[in-house]
Amino acid sequence: MGTVVSVRPGTSSVGAEPDAAASASHDDRAAVDMVVEVFDRWERRFSLFDPRSELSRVASGELLLPEASAELRDAYALALAWRDRTEEASRRIDPTASSTSTAS
């Protein structure tokens, strides 16, 4: 499971002057680099697979949630809110039940 990102060039280099094509190519590379940097930053901070990430440190108890960054606490609060909003729906859907039985 992963995240798919599409970066669409702002200027087509087809039929463009050589300098314009080179500039568009540079802008496209800069856009891709920016997207990679954003995802790398989030991965370093919120990965549960990297034991050095802030989220992993909270999960392991090495870092207490009240001591975590405001950004992590906000994301955690949002996750809890969505869990609470969807809890009733998830209780009605039991993926382990056969198609003839109903979840309680």
PDB file of N, CA and C in Angstrom:
ATOM      1  N   MET A   1       0.843  -1.163   0.000  1.00  0.00           N
ATOM      2  CA  MET A   1       0.000   0.000   0.000  1.00  0.00           C
ATOM      3  C   MET A   1       0.893   1.231   0.000  1.00  0.00           C
ATOM      4  N   GLY A   2       0.546   2.198  -0.793  1.00  0.00           N
ATOM      5  CA  GLY A   2       1.357   3.397  -0.866  1.00  0.00           C
ATOM      6  C   GLY A   2       0.539   4.566  -1.368  1.00  0.00           C
ATOM      7  N   THR A   3       1.208   5.647  -1.543  1.00  0.00           N
ATOM      8  CA  THR A   3       0.567   6.863  -2.027  1.00  0.00           C
ATOM      9  C   THR A   3       1.066   7.148  -3.427  1.00  0.00           C
ATOM     10  N   VAL A   4       0.148   7.439  -4.311  1.00  0.00           N
ATOM     11  CA  VAL A   4       0.494   7.751  -5.689  1.00  0.00           C
ATOM     12  C   VAL A   4       0.371   9.251  -5.881  1.00  0.00           C
ATOM     13  N   VAL A   5       1.375   9.839  -6.480  1.00  0.00           N
ATOM     14  CA  VAL A   5       1.379  11.273  -6.746  1.00  0.00           C
ATOM     15  C   VAL A   5       1.649  11.478  -8.218  1.00  0.00           C
ATOM     16  N   SER A   6       0.935  12.406  -8.794  1.00  0.00           N
ATOM     17  CA  SER A   6       1.144  12.740 -10.199  1.00  0.00           C
ATOM     18  C   SER A   6       1.578  14.194 -10.294  1.00  0.00           C
ATOM     19  N   VAL A   7       2.702  14.431 -10.930  1.00  0.00           N
ATOM     20  CA  VAL A   7       3.184  15.789 -11.160  1.00  0.00           C
ATOM     21  C   VAL A   7       3.022  16.051 -12.641  1.00  0.00           C
ATOM     22  N   ARG A   8       2.208  17.034 -12.959  1.00  0.00           N
ATOM     23  CA  ARG A   8       1.947  17.362 -14.356  1.00  0.00           C
ATOM     24  C   ARG A   8       2.732  18.595 -14.741  1.00  0.00           C
ATOM     25  N   PRO A   9       3.474  18.484 -15.803  1.00  0.00           N
ATOM     26  CA  PRO A   9       4.270  19.638 -16.232  1.00  0.00           C
ATOM     27  C   PRO A   9       3.381  20.845 -16.513  1.00  0.00           C
ATOM     28  N   GLY A  10       3.862  22.010 -16.122  1.00  0.00           N
ATOM     29  CA  GLY A  10       3.100  23.232 -16.346  1.00  0.00           C
ATOM     30  C   GLY A  10       3.196  23.720 -17.770  1.00  0.00           C
ATOM     31  N   THR A  11       4.274  23.379 -18.453  1.00  0.00           N
ATOM     32  CA  THR A  11       4.486  23.845 -19.822  1.00  0.00           C
ATOM     33  C   THR A  11       4.920  22.664 -20.668  1.00  0.00           C
ATOM     34  N   SER A  12       4.288  22.492 -21.786  1.00  0.00           N
ATOM     35  CA  SER A  12       4.688  21.428 -22.695  1.00  0.00           C
ATOM     36  C   SER A  12       5.927  21.860 -23.451  1.00  0.00           C
ATOM     37  N   SER A  13       6.891  20.983 -23.539  1.00  0.00           N
ATOM     38  CA  SER A  13       8.111  21.320 -24.264  1.00  0.00           C
ATOM     39  C   SER A  13       8.005  20.945 -25.746  1.00  0.00           C
ATOM     40  N   VAL A  14       6.891  20.344 -26.135  1.00  0.00           N
ATOM     41  CA  VAL A  14       6.714  19.960 -27.532  1.00  0.00           C
ATOM     42  C   VAL A  14       6.567  21.227 -28.367  1.00  0.00           C
ATOM     43  N   GLY A  15       7.442  21.424 -29.320  1.00  0.00           N
ATOM     44  CA  GLY A  15       7.386  22.582 -30.203  1.00  0.00           C
ATOM     45  C   GLY A  15       7.880  23.870 -29.577  1.00  0.00           C
ATOM     46  N   ALA A  16       8.376  23.806 -28.358  1.00  0.00           N
ATOM     47  CA  ALA A  16       8.857  25.014 -27.693  1.00  0.00           C
ATOM     48  C   ALA A  16      10.287  25.315 -28.111  1.00  0.00           C
ATOM     49  N   GLU A  17      10.672  26.545 -27.891  1.00  0.00           N
ATOM     50  CA  GLU A  17      12.062  26.940 -28.142  1.00  0.00           C
ATOM     51  C   GLU A  17      12.974  26.133 -27.218  1.00  0.00           C
ATOM     52  N   PRO A  18      14.221  25.860 -27.622  1.00  0.00           N
ATOM     53  CA  PRO A  18      15.121  25.051 -26.786  1.00  0.00           C
ATOM     54  C   PRO A  18      15.288  25.596 -25.371  1.00  0.00           C
ATOM     55  N   ASP A  19      15.422  26.914 -25.211  1.00  0.00           N
ATOM     56  CA  ASP A  19      15.582  27.481 -23.870  1.00  0.00           C
ATOM     57  C   ASP A  19      14.321  27.280 -23.042  1.00  0.00           C
ATOM     58  N   ALA A  20      13.152  27.432 -23.667  1.00  0.00           N
ATOM     59  CA  ALA A  20      11.887  27.246 -22.961  1.00  0.00           C
ATOM     60  C   ALA A  20      11.720  25.795 -22.547  1.00  0.00           C
ATOM     61  N   ALA A  21      12.102  24.880 -23.415  1.00  0.00           N
ATOM     62  CA  ALA A  21      11.994  23.456 -23.089  1.00  0.00           C
ATOM     63  C   ALA A  21      12.912  23.108 -21.921  1.00  0.00           C
ATOM     64  N   ALA A  22      14.116  23.644 -21.923  1.00  0.00           N
ATOM     65  CA  ALA A  22      15.060  23.376 -20.835  1.00  0.00           C
ATOM     66  C   ALA A  22      14.538  23.957 -19.528  1.00  0.00           C
ATOM     67  N   SER A  23      13.944  25.147 -19.592  1.00  0.00           N
ATOM     68  CA  SER A  23      13.395  25.782 -18.399  1.00  0.00           C
ATOM     69  C   SER A  23      12.218  24.977 -17.859  1.00  0.00           C
ATOM     70  N   ALA A  24      11.331  24.511 -18.749  1.00  0.00           N
ATOM     71  CA  ALA A  24      10.183  23.704 -18.328  1.00  0.00           C
ATOM     72  C   ALA A  24      10.666  22.403 -17.697  1.00  0.00           C
ATOM     73  N   SER A  25      11.684  21.794 -18.287  1.00  0.00           N
ATOM     74  CA  SER A  25      12.231  20.554 -17.755  1.00  0.00           C
ATOM     75  C   SER A  25      12.799  20.787 -16.356  1.00  0.00           C
ATOM     76  N   HIS A  26      13.488  21.900 -16.176  1.00  0.00           N
ATOM     77  CA  HIS A  26      14.051  22.241 -14.866  1.00  0.00           C
ATOM     78  C   HIS A  26      12.925  22.460 -13.850  1.00  0.00           C
ATOM     79  N   ASP A  27      11.859  23.177 -14.258  1.00  0.00           N
ATOM     80  CA  ASP A  27      10.718  23.413 -13.371  1.00  0.00           C
ATOM     81  C   ASP A  27      10.043  22.098 -12.988  1.00  0.00           C
ATOM     82  N   ASP A  28       9.918  21.189 -13.955  1.00  0.00           N
ATOM     83  CA  ASP A  28       9.309  19.891 -13.682  1.00  0.00           C
ATOM     84  C   ASP A  28      10.145  19.110 -12.672  1.00  0.00           C
ATOM     85  N   ARG A  29      11.462  19.137 -12.850  1.00  0.00           N
ATOM     86  CA  ARG A  29      12.359  18.431 -11.923  1.00  0.00           C
ATOM     87  C   ARG A  29      12.261  19.038 -10.526  1.00  0.00           C
ATOM     88  N   ALA A  30      12.170  20.360 -10.464  1.00  0.00           N
ATOM     89  CA  ALA A  30      12.039  21.033  -9.172  1.00  0.00           C
ATOM     90  C   ALA A  30      10.724  20.639  -8.495  1.00  0.00           C
ATOM     91  N   ALA A  31       9.641  20.514  -9.272  1.00  0.00           N
ATOM     92  CA  ALA A  31       8.352  20.115  -8.714  1.00  0.00           C
ATOM     93  C   ALA A  31       8.427  18.695  -8.167  1.00  0.00           C
ATOM     94  N   VAL A  32       9.048  17.795  -8.906  1.00  0.00           N
ATOM     95  CA  VAL A  32       9.200  16.411  -8.447  1.00  0.00           C
ATOM     96  C   VAL A  32      10.055  16.376  -7.181  1.00  0.00           C
ATOM     97  N   ASP A  33      11.144  17.125  -7.174  1.00  0.00           N
ATOM     98  CA  ASP A  33      12.011  17.171  -5.992  1.00  0.00           C
ATOM     99  C   ASP A  33      11.253  17.678  -4.767  1.00  0.00           C
ATOM    100  N   MET A  34      10.373  18.664  -4.972  1.00  0.00           N
ATOM    101  CA  MET A  34       9.596  19.214  -3.868  1.00  0.00           C
ATOM    102  C   MET A  34       8.627  18.165  -3.310  1.00  0.00           C
ATOM    103  N   VAL A  35       7.976  17.438  -4.182  1.00  0.00           N
ATOM    104  CA  VAL A  35       7.039  16.395  -3.745  1.00  0.00           C
ATOM    105  C   VAL A  35       7.795  15.308  -2.984  1.00  0.00           C
ATOM    106  N   VAL A  36       8.930  14.899  -3.489  1.00  0.00           N
ATOM    107  CA  VAL A  36       9.737  13.869  -2.822  1.00  0.00           C
ATOM    108  C   VAL A  36      10.152  14.343  -1.431  1.00  0.00           C
ATOM    109  N   GLU A  37      10.559  15.595  -1.330  1.00  0.00           N
ATOM    110  CA  GLU A  37      10.991  16.142  -0.041  1.00  0.00           C
ATOM    111  C   GLU A  37       9.840  16.153   0.962  1.00  0.00           C
ATOM    112  N   VAL A  38       8.643  16.537   0.525  1.00  0.00           N
ATOM    113  CA  VAL A  38       7.479  16.563   1.410  1.00  0.00           C
ATOM    114  C   VAL A  38       7.164  15.155   1.919  1.00  0.00           C
ATOM    115  N   PHE A  39       7.135  14.170   1.015  1.00  0.00           N
ATOM    116  CA  PHE A  39       6.826  12.806   1.440  1.00  0.00           C
ATOM    117  C   PHE A  39       7.936  12.233   2.315  1.00  0.00           C
ATOM    118  N   ASP A  40       9.186  12.535   2.014  1.00  0.00           N
ATOM    119  CA  ASP A  40      10.288  12.072   2.868  1.00  0.00           C
ATOM    120  C   ASP A  40      10.167  12.653   4.271  1.00  0.00           C
ATOM    121  N   ARG A  41       9.825  13.940   4.354  1.00  0.00           N
ATOM    122  CA  ARG A  41       9.690  14.593   5.663  1.00  0.00           C
ATOM    123  C   ARG A  41       8.561  13.937   6.468  1.00  0.00           C
ATOM    124  N   TRP A  42       7.423  13.684   5.839  1.00  0.00           N
ATOM    125  CA  TRP A  42       6.304  13.040   6.535  1.00  0.00           C
ATOM    126  C   TRP A  42       6.662  11.609   6.928  1.00  0.00           C
ATOM    127  N   GLU A  43       7.361  10.913   6.052  1.00  0.00           N
ATOM    128  CA  GLU A  43       7.757   9.532   6.348  1.00  0.00           C
ATOM    129  C   GLU A  43       8.710   9.486   7.541  1.00  0.00           C
ATOM    130  N   ARG A  44       9.664  10.407   7.565  1.00  0.00           N
ATOM    131  CA  ARG A  44      10.602  10.444   8.696  1.00  0.00           C
ATOM    132  C   ARG A  44       9.879  10.734  10.007  1.00  0.00           C
ATOM    133  N   ARG A  45       8.823  11.498   9.952  1.00  0.00           N
ATOM    134  CA  ARG A  45       8.135  11.899  11.166  1.00  0.00           C
ATOM    135  C   ARG A  45       7.057  10.909  11.603  1.00  0.00           C
ATOM    136  N   PHE A  46       6.302  10.367  10.650  1.00  0.00           N
ATOM    137  CA  PHE A  46       5.113   9.600  11.001  1.00  0.00           C
ATOM    138  C   PHE A  46       5.169   8.117  10.644  1.00  0.00           C
ATOM    139  N   SER A  47       6.309   7.613  10.249  1.00  0.00           N
ATOM    140  CA  SER A  47       6.413   6.200   9.901  1.00  0.00           C
ATOM    141  C   SER A  47       6.361   5.328  11.152  1.00  0.00           C
ATOM    142  N   LEU A  48       5.566   4.271  11.084  1.00  0.00           N
ATOM    143  CA  LEU A  48       5.598   3.275  12.157  1.00  0.00           C
ATOM    144  C   LEU A  48       6.639   2.201  11.869  1.00  0.00           C
ATOM    145  N   PHE A  49       7.236   2.250  10.669  1.00  0.00           N
ATOM    146  CA  PHE A  49       8.252   1.268  10.285  1.00  0.00           C
ATOM    147  C   PHE A  49       9.654   1.725  10.662  1.00  0.00           C
ATOM    148  N   ASP A  50       9.824   3.030  10.874  1.00  0.00           N
ATOM    149  CA  ASP A  50      11.130   3.575  11.241  1.00  0.00           C
ATOM    150  C   ASP A  50      11.128   3.838  12.746  1.00  0.00           C
ATOM    151  N   PRO A  51      11.895   3.068  13.501  1.00  0.00           N
ATOM    152  CA  PRO A  51      11.873   3.229  14.955  1.00  0.00           C
ATOM    153  C   PRO A  51      12.357   4.604  15.419  1.00  0.00           C
ATOM    154  N   ARG A  52      13.012   5.351  14.534  1.00  0.00           N
ATOM    155  CA  ARG A  52      13.492   6.693  14.899  1.00  0.00           C
ATOM    156  C   ARG A  52      12.441   7.775  14.688  1.00  0.00           C
ATOM    157  N   SER A  53      11.329   7.440  14.010  1.00  0.00           N
ATOM    158  CA  SER A  53      10.320   8.466  13.737  1.00  0.00           C
ATOM    159  C   SER A  53       9.610   8.876  15.024  1.00  0.00           C
ATOM    160  N   GLU A  54       9.082  10.082  15.008  1.00  0.00           N
ATOM    161  CA  GLU A  54       8.374  10.591  16.184  1.00  0.00           C
ATOM    162  C   GLU A  54       7.187   9.693  16.542  1.00  0.00           C
ATOM    163  N   LEU A  55       6.438   9.257  15.541  1.00  0.00           N
ATOM    164  CA  LEU A  55       5.271   8.412  15.806  1.00  0.00           C
ATOM    165  C   LEU A  55       5.682   7.059  16.387  1.00  0.00           C
ATOM    166  N   SER A  56       6.749   6.472  15.881  1.00  0.00           N
ATOM    167  CA  SER A  56       7.229   5.198  16.432  1.00  0.00           C
ATOM    168  C   SER A  56       7.679   5.365  17.873  1.00  0.00           C
ATOM    169  N   ARG A  57       8.307   6.486  18.149  1.00  0.00           N
ATOM    170  CA  ARG A  57       8.765   6.739  19.513  1.00  0.00           C
ATOM    171  C   ARG A  57       7.587   6.904  20.472  1.00  0.00           C
ATOM    172  N   VAL A  58       6.485   7.516  19.992  1.00  0.00           N
ATOM    173  CA  VAL A  58       5.278   7.609  20.819  1.00  0.00           C
ATOM    174  C   VAL A  58       4.682   6.219  20.994  1.00  0.00           C
ATOM    175  N   ALA A  59       4.594   5.452  19.919  1.00  0.00           N
ATOM    176  CA  ALA A  59       4.006   4.112  19.977  1.00  0.00           C
ATOM    177  C   ALA A  59       4.772   3.194  20.921  1.00  0.00           C
ATOM    178  N   SER A  60       6.088   3.350  20.972  1.00  0.00           N
ATOM    179  CA  SER A  60       6.899   2.487  21.832  1.00  0.00           C
ATOM    180  C   SER A  60       6.940   2.967  23.281  1.00  0.00           C
ATOM    181  N   GLY A  61       6.455   4.182  23.529  1.00  0.00           N
ATOM    182  CA  GLY A  61       6.497   4.732  24.884  1.00  0.00           C
ATOM    183  C   GLY A  61       7.760   5.515  25.173  1.00  0.00           C
ATOM    184  N   GLU A  62       8.679   5.547  24.209  1.00  0.00           N
ATOM    185  CA  GLU A  62       9.918   6.315  24.398  1.00  0.00           C
ATOM    186  C   GLU A  62       9.624   7.812  24.514  1.00  0.00           C
ATOM    187  N   LEU A  63       8.592   8.272  23.778  1.00  0.00           N
ATOM    188  CA  LEU A  63       8.175   9.669  23.792  1.00  0.00           C
ATOM    189  C   LEU A  63       6.708   9.702  24.196  1.00  0.00           C
ATOM    190  N   LEU A  64       6.383  10.463  25.217  1.00  0.00           N
ATOM    191  CA  LEU A  64       4.990  10.567  25.645  1.00  0.00           C
ATOM    192  C   LEU A  64       4.239  11.498  24.705  1.00  0.00           C
ATOM    193  N   LEU A  65       2.981  11.171  24.431  1.00  0.00           N
ATOM    194  CA  LEU A  65       2.176  11.969  23.508  1.00  0.00           C
ATOM    195  C   LEU A  65       2.148  13.452  23.887  1.00  0.00           C
ATOM    196  N   PRO A  66       1.981  13.813  25.165  1.00  0.00           N
ATOM    197  CA  PRO A  66       1.974  15.240  25.492  1.00  0.00           C
ATOM    198  C   PRO A  66       3.307  15.943  25.181  1.00  0.00           C
ATOM    199  N   GLU A  67       4.371  15.171  25.049  1.00  0.00           N
ATOM    200  CA  GLU A  67       5.686  15.738  24.738  1.00  0.00           C
ATOM    201  C   GLU A  67       5.975  15.750  23.235  1.00  0.00           C
ATOM    202  N   ALA A  68       5.099  15.153  22.455  1.00  0.00           N
ATOM    203  CA  ALA A  68       5.280  15.102  21.001  1.00  0.00           C
ATOM    204  C   ALA A  68       4.958  16.475  20.404  1.00  0.00           C
ATOM    205  N   SER A  69       5.318  16.647  19.154  1.00  0.00           N
ATOM    206  CA  SER A  69       5.069  17.921  18.470  1.00  0.00           C
ATOM    207  C   SER A  69       3.569  18.199  18.371  1.00  0.00           C
ATOM    208  N   ALA A  70       3.239  19.467  18.267  1.00  0.00           N
ATOM    209  CA  ALA A  70       1.840  19.861  18.100  1.00  0.00           C
ATOM    210  C   ALA A  70       1.264  19.238  16.832  1.00  0.00           C
ATOM    211  N   GLU A  71       2.078  19.131  15.797  1.00  0.00           N
ATOM    212  CA  GLU A  71       1.626  18.537  14.534  1.00  0.00           C
ATOM    213  C   GLU A  71       1.215  17.077  14.734  1.00  0.00           C
ATOM    214  N   LEU A  72       2.011  16.332  15.469  1.00  0.00           N
ATOM    215  CA  LEU A  72       1.671  14.931  15.719  1.00  0.00           C
ATOM    216  C   LEU A  72       0.432  14.836  16.598  1.00  0.00           C
ATOM    217  N   ARG A  73       0.346  15.660  17.636  1.00  0.00           N
ATOM    218  CA  ARG A  73      -0.833  15.623  18.508  1.00  0.00           C
ATOM    219  C   ARG A  73      -2.098  15.984  17.737  1.00  0.00           C
ATOM    220  N   ASP A  74      -2.004  16.961  16.830  1.00  0.00           N
ATOM    221  CA  ASP A  74      -3.164  17.330  16.009  1.00  0.00           C
ATOM    222  C   ASP A  74      -3.587  16.167  15.107  1.00  0.00           C
ATOM    223  N   ALA A  75      -2.610  15.508  14.489  1.00  0.00           N
ATOM    224  CA  ALA A  75      -2.917  14.368  13.616  1.00  0.00           C
ATOM    225  C   ALA A  75      -3.527  13.228  14.432  1.00  0.00           C
ATOM    226  N   TYR A  76      -3.024  13.015  15.625  1.00  0.00           N
ATOM    227  CA  TYR A  76      -3.550  11.970  16.509  1.00  0.00           C
ATOM    228  C   TYR A  76      -4.997  12.275  16.895  1.00  0.00           C
ATOM    229  N   ALA A  77      -5.264  13.541  17.246  1.00  0.00           N
ATOM    230  CA  ALA A  77      -6.627  13.938  17.611  1.00  0.00           C
ATOM    231  C   ALA A  77      -7.571  13.755  16.420  1.00  0.00           C
ATOM    232  N   LEU A  78      -7.113  14.094  15.243  1.00  0.00           N
ATOM    233  CA  LEU A  78      -7.930  13.913  14.045  1.00  0.00           C
ATOM    234  C   LEU A  78      -8.224  12.429  13.801  1.00  0.00           C
ATOM    235  N   ALA A  79      -7.211  11.577  13.983  1.00  0.00           N
ATOM    236  CA  ALA A  79      -7.408  10.132  13.814  1.00  0.00           C
ATOM    237  C   ALA A  79      -8.426   9.602  14.823  1.00  0.00           C
ATOM    238  N   LEU A  80      -8.351  10.068  16.063  1.00  0.00           N
ATOM    239  CA  LEU A  80      -9.324   9.639  17.072  1.00  0.00           C
ATOM    240  C   LEU A  80     -10.729  10.105  16.724  1.00  0.00           C
ATOM    241  N   ALA A  81     -10.844  11.323  16.221  1.00  0.00           N
ATOM    242  CA  ALA A  81     -12.158  11.842  15.829  1.00  0.00           C
ATOM    243  C   ALA A  81     -12.758  11.003  14.709  1.00  0.00           C
ATOM    244  N   TRP A  82     -11.940  10.634  13.709  1.00  0.00           N
ATOM    245  CA  TRP A  82     -12.445   9.788  12.623  1.00  0.00           C
ATOM    246  C   TRP A  82     -12.782   8.396  13.118  1.00  0.00           C
ATOM    247  N   ARG A  83     -11.985   7.885  14.033  1.00  0.00           N
ATOM    248  CA  ARG A  83     -12.305   6.571  14.611  1.00  0.00           C
ATOM    249  C   ARG A  83     -13.661   6.623  15.299  1.00  0.00           C
ATOM    250  N   ASP A  84     -13.895   7.677  16.079  1.00  0.00           N
ATOM    251  CA  ASP A  84     -15.171   7.808  16.779  1.00  0.00           C
ATOM    252  C   ASP A  84     -16.328   7.971  15.802  1.00  0.00           C
ATOM    253  N   ARG A  85     -16.124   8.732  14.739  1.00  0.00           N
ATOM    254  CA  ARG A  85     -17.182   8.952  13.752  1.00  0.00           C
ATOM    255  C   ARG A  85     -17.542   7.679  12.988  1.00  0.00           C
ATOM    256  N   THR A  86     -16.568   6.829  12.794  1.00  0.00           N
ATOM    257  CA  THR A  86     -16.805   5.635  11.973  1.00  0.00           C
ATOM    258  C   THR A  86     -16.992   4.372  12.804  1.00  0.00           C
ATOM    259  N   GLU A  87     -16.916   4.483  14.109  1.00  0.00           N
ATOM    260  CA  GLU A  87     -17.002   3.299  14.960  1.00  0.00           C
ATOM    261  C   GLU A  87     -18.327   2.568  14.786  1.00  0.00           C
ATOM    262  N   GLU A  88     -19.421   3.311  14.758  1.00  0.00           N
ATOM    263  CA  GLU A  88     -20.728   2.677  14.601  1.00  0.00           C
ATOM    264  C   GLU A  88     -20.818   1.938  13.276  1.00  0.00           C
ATOM    265  N   ALA A  89     -20.332   2.543  12.214  1.00  0.00           N
ATOM    266  CA  ALA A  89     -20.371   1.888  10.898  1.00  0.00           C
ATOM    267  C   ALA A  89     -19.518   0.632  10.890  1.00  0.00           C
ATOM    268  N   SER A  90     -18.363   0.686  11.524  1.00  0.00           N
ATOM    269  CA  SER A  90     -17.485  -0.490  11.516  1.00  0.00           C
ATOM    270  C   SER A  90     -18.067  -1.627  12.336  1.00  0.00           C
ATOM    271  N   ARG A  91     -18.885  -1.309  13.329  1.00  0.00           N
ATOM    272  CA  ARG A  91     -19.524  -2.381  14.115  1.00  0.00           C
ATOM    273  C   ARG A  91     -20.599  -3.078  13.297  1.00  0.00           C
ATOM    274  N   ARG A  92     -21.207  -2.361  12.353  1.00  0.00           N
ATOM    275  CA  ARG A  92     -22.260  -2.951  11.532  1.00  0.00           C
ATOM    276  C   ARG A  92     -21.693  -3.798  10.404  1.00  0.00           C
ATOM    277  N   ILE A  93     -20.425  -3.601  10.085  1.00  0.00           N
ATOM    278  CA  ILE A  93     -19.799  -4.343   8.991  1.00  0.00           C
ATOM    279  C   ILE A  93     -18.760  -5.278   9.587  1.00  0.00           C
ATOM    280  N   ASP A  94     -18.970  -6.550   9.449  1.00  0.00           N
ATOM    281  CA  ASP A  94     -18.025  -7.541   9.958  1.00  0.00           C
ATOM    282  C   ASP A  94     -17.469  -8.310   8.772  1.00  0.00           C
ATOM    283  N   PRO A  95     -16.243  -7.994   8.339  1.00  0.00           N
ATOM    284  CA  PRO A  95     -15.696  -8.654   7.161  1.00  0.00           C
ATOM    285  C   PRO A  95     -15.426 -10.139   7.369  1.00  0.00           C
ATOM    286  N   THR A  96     -15.426 -10.576   8.623  1.00  0.00           N
ATOM    287  CA  THR A  96     -15.167 -11.998   8.873  1.00  0.00           C
ATOM    288  C   THR A  96     -16.446 -12.818   8.830  1.00  0.00           C
ATOM    289  N   ALA A  97     -17.596 -12.138   8.813  1.00  0.00           N
ATOM    290  CA  ALA A  97     -18.871 -12.862   8.802  1.00  0.00           C
ATOM    291  C   ALA A  97     -19.182 -13.352   7.400  1.00  0.00           C
ATOM    292  N   SER A  98     -19.881 -14.459   7.332  1.00  0.00           N
ATOM    293  CA  SER A  98     -20.293 -14.970   6.026  1.00  0.00           C
ATOM    294  C   SER A  98     -21.410 -14.072   5.478  1.00  0.00           C
ATOM    295  N   SER A  99     -21.685 -14.196   4.210  1.00  0.00           N
ATOM    296  CA  SER A  99     -22.675 -13.340   3.586  1.00  0.00           C
ATOM    297  C   SER A  99     -24.093 -13.594   4.116  1.00  0.00           C
ATOM    298  N   THR A 100     -24.321 -14.699   4.790  1.00  0.00           N
ATOM    299  CA  THR A 100     -25.656 -14.996   5.305  1.00  0.00           C
ATOM    300  C   THR A 100     -25.835 -14.582   6.742  1.00  0.00           C
ATOM    301  N   SER A 101     -24.745 -14.250   7.432  1.00  0.00           N
ATOM    302  CA  SER A 101     -24.875 -13.844   8.831  1.00  0.00           C
ATOM    303  C   SER A 101     -24.768 -12.331   8.932  1.00  0.00           C
ATOM    304  N   THR A 102     -25.230 -11.805  10.057  1.00  0.00           N
ATOM    305  CA  THR A 102     -25.140 -10.366  10.291  1.00  0.00           C
ATOM    306  C   THR A 102     -24.312 -10.115  11.521  1.00  0.00           C
ATOM    307  N   ALA A 103     -23.620  -8.999  11.515  1.00  0.00           N
ATOM    308  CA  ALA A 103     -22.796  -8.624  12.674  1.00  0.00           C
ATOM    309  C   ALA A 103     -23.688  -8.086  13.770  1.00  0.00           C
ATOM    310  N   SER A 104     -23.267  -8.258  14.999  1.00  0.00           N
ATOM    311  CA  SER A 104     -24.067  -7.745  16.108  1.00  0.00           C
ATOM    312  C   SER A 104     -23.764  -6.307  16.383  1.00  0.00           C
TER     313      SER A 104
END
